[in-house]
Protein backbone atom coordinates (compact mmCIF):
# COMPACT_ATOMS: atom_id res chain seq x y z
CA MET A 1 0.00 0.00 0.00
CA SER A 2 1.48 3.34 -1.00
CA LEU A 3 0.93 6.18 1.46
CA LYS A 4 2.40 8.88 -0.76
CA LYS A 5 5.12 9.23 -3.33
CA GLY A 6 7.93 6.98 -2.21
CA VAL A 7 6.59 5.91 1.20
CA SER A 8 5.13 2.43 1.17
CA LEU A 9 3.72 -0.13 3.56
CA ARG A 10 3.57 -3.79 2.65
CA LYS A 11 2.72 -7.00 4.42
CA LEU A 12 5.52 -9.54 4.57
CA GLU A 13 5.04 -12.80 2.75
CA SER A 14 5.96 -15.97 4.59
CA ILE A 15 6.24 -19.71 4.12
CA GLN A 16 5.86 -22.47 6.68
CA GLY A 17 8.91 -24.68 7.17
CA GLY A 18 8.23 -27.33 9.79
CA MET A 19 7.37 -25.47 12.98
CA ALA A 20 9.01 -22.20 11.81
CA GLN A 21 7.57 -19.34 9.78
CA PHE A 22 10.06 -17.83 7.28
CA TYR A 23 9.50 -14.24 6.17
CA THR A 24 10.82 -12.50 3.06
CA PRO A 25 14.28 -11.06 3.77
CA GLN A 26 14.92 -7.37 3.10
CA SER A 27 17.85 -6.30 0.95
CA SER A 28 20.04 -3.81 2.78
CA ASP A 29 23.45 -2.21 3.02
CA GLN A 30 23.28 -2.13 6.82
CA THR A 31 20.91 -3.70 9.34
CA MET A 32 20.22 -2.03 12.67
CA LEU A 33 18.28 -3.23 15.69
CA VAL A 34 16.43 -0.22 17.13
CA GLN A 35 14.69 0.14 20.48
CA VAL A 36 11.92 2.73 20.87
CA PRO A 37 11.47 3.09 24.64
CA SER A 38 8.08 3.19 26.28
CA GLY A 39 6.84 6.78 26.58
CA THR A 40 8.78 8.04 23.54
CA ILE A 41 7.55 11.07 21.64
CA ASP A 42 10.25 11.71 19.05
CA GLU A 43 10.95 14.94 17.28
CA LEU A 44 11.16 14.60 13.52
CA PHE A 45 14.40 13.87 11.71
CA VAL A 46 15.31 13.26 8.09
CA HIS A 47 17.90 11.28 6.13
CA HIS A 48 19.31 12.73 2.93
CA PHE A 49 21.00 9.66 1.41
CA GLN A 50 19.32 6.70 3.11
CA THR A 51 16.12 4.67 2.78
CA ASP A 52 14.75 3.14 5.98
CA GLN A 53 12.90 -0.20 5.86
CA LEU A 54 11.31 -0.74 9.27
CA LEU A 55 9.86 -3.98 10.70
CA VAL A 56 8.63 -4.32 14.28
CA VAL A 57 9.70 -7.57 15.96
CA ARG A 58 8.41 -6.83 19.49
CA GLY A 59 5.78 -4.39 20.69
CA SER A 60 4.26 -1.60 18.66
CA PHE A 61 4.69 2.09 17.90
CA ILE A 62 3.31 4.81 15.69
CA LEU A 63 5.49 6.15 12.91
CA VAL A 64 4.88 9.81 12.13
CA ALA A 65 5.81 10.97 8.62
CA LEU A 66 5.41 14.56 7.42
CA HIS A 67 4.39 15.23 3.83
CA ASN A 68 2.61 18.20 2.22
CA LYS A 69 2.10 19.81 5.63
CA GLN A 70 0.23 16.75 6.90
CA TYR A 71 1.20 14.17 9.48
CA HIS A 72 0.66 10.56 8.49
CA TYR A 73 0.33 8.32 11.58
CA ILE A 74 1.13 4.68 10.75
CA SER A 75 0.73 1.85 13.25
CA LEU A 76 3.37 -0.85 13.22
CA SER A 77 3.03 -3.92 15.42
CA GLU A 78 4.55 -7.35 15.98
CA HIS A 79 1.04 -8.80 15.46
CA ASN A 80 0.86 -7.63 11.85
CA PRO A 81 4.31 -8.09 10.21
CA GLN A 82 4.72 -5.27 7.70
CA VAL A 83 7.59 -3.25 6.33
CA VAL A 84 7.30 0.49 5.95
CA THR A 85 9.78 2.06 3.53
CA ILE A 86 10.79 5.68 4.11
CA PRO A 87 12.80 7.22 1.28
CA PRO A 88 15.37 10.01 1.66
CA GLY A 89 14.04 13.46 2.41
CA ILE A 90 10.91 12.45 4.38
CA PRO A 91 10.82 13.87 7.94
CA HIS A 92 9.73 11.15 10.36
CA GLY A 93 9.72 10.20 14.04
CA ALA A 94 8.33 7.64 16.49
CA ILE A 95 5.63 7.69 19.16
CA ASN A 96 5.46 4.86 21.67
CA LEU A 97 2.98 5.65 24.43
CA SER A 98 2.59 2.01 25.44
CA SER A 99 3.96 0.56 28.67
CA GLU A 100 6.41 -1.67 26.74
CA ASP A 101 9.51 -0.86 24.73
CA CYS A 102 9.31 -1.55 21.01
CA LEU A 103 12.06 -3.42 19.16
CA LEU A 104 12.40 -3.09 15.40
CA VAL A 105 14.78 -3.91 12.60
CA ASN A 106 15.85 -1.20 10.16
CA ALA A 107 17.23 -2.63 6.91
CA VAL A 108 18.98 0.51 5.63
CA LEU A 109 19.68 1.20 1.96
CA ARG A 110 22.52 3.72 1.48
CA HIS A 111 22.48 6.16 -1.43
CA GLY A 112 25.72 7.97 -0.61
CA GLU A 113 27.63 9.30 2.37
CA SER A 114 25.70 10.45 5.43
CA HIS A 115 24.73 14.11 5.51
CA PRO A 116 25.88 16.18 8.54
CA LEU A 117 22.24 16.96 9.40
CA ASP A 118 21.10 13.31 9.37
CA TYR A 119 19.62 12.20 12.70
CA ARG A 120 19.53 15.76 14.05
CA PRO A 121 16.14 16.45 15.62
CA MET A 122 13.90 18.92 13.82
CA GLU A 123 11.27 20.92 15.63
CA PRO A 124 7.88 19.71 14.34
CA PRO A 125 6.37 22.54 12.24
CA PHE A 126 3.09 22.16 14.13
CA PRO A 127 2.08 20.07 17.15
CA TYR A 128 1.08 16.44 16.95
CA ASP A 129 -2.66 15.93 17.43
CA PHE A 130 -2.69 13.88 20.64
CA ASP A 131 -6.49 13.58 20.73
CA LYS A 132 -6.31 11.75 17.42
CA ILE A 133 -3.19 9.82 18.44
CA ASN A 134 -4.86 8.64 21.68
CA HIS A 135 -7.95 7.57 19.71
CA PHE A 136 -5.62 5.79 17.30
CA LEU A 137 -3.90 4.00 20.21
CA GLU A 138 -7.25 2.88 21.63
CA LEU A 139 -8.10 1.32 18.28
CA LEU A 140 -4.67 -0.30 18.13
CA GLU A 141 -5.16 -1.82 21.58
CA GLN A 142 -8.60 -3.12 20.61
CA GLY A 143 -7.09 -4.81 17.56
CA LYS A 144 -9.23 -2.78 15.17
CA THR A 145 -6.32 -1.71 13.00
CA GLN A 146 -6.16 -4.99 11.13
CA GLN A 147 -8.99 -4.90 8.64
CA GLY A 148 -7.74 -7.30 6.04
CA ASP A 149 -4.01 -6.83 6.15
CA LYS A 150 -4.00 -3.05 6.53
CA SER A 151 -2.67 -0.87 9.32
CA LEU A 152 -4.61 2.13 10.49
CA ILE A 153 -3.28 5.26 8.85
CA LEU A 154 -4.48 8.66 9.96
CA GLU A 155 -3.73 11.72 7.91
CA VAL A 156 -3.97 14.87 9.97
CA SER A 157 -3.40 18.43 8.81
């Protein structure tokens, strides 16, 4: 499912092998294990020469991506294995208001040397809408975000 030009969300395909479930590997130049602590409300940051491919392996969090002066809130959870791809130049951050840390894998694709401003926090241009985020989290907890194989995506201006 494409959220906007370049940003995509797709369900992982898997095959059963005995008692194990094998998921499609992600091509990458570098693989990072990332922990998003409980209670996190990240500022935005942007990569100039890197594509992030994120997959949650434990817990859940909300990815916030900024595009055309709108926040896109995307739920990612261990219960619905999906990869979200964030191309260079897209400001993004994480919100984890749950009581558990979230663990995810980032299969990074490099498109050149790191930029000096990569990973530097950016002040959000306007506040996050926590009424909508809290409603979103309630739906996530109730398991209502998985209609078919889709995550709940809220677009807020």
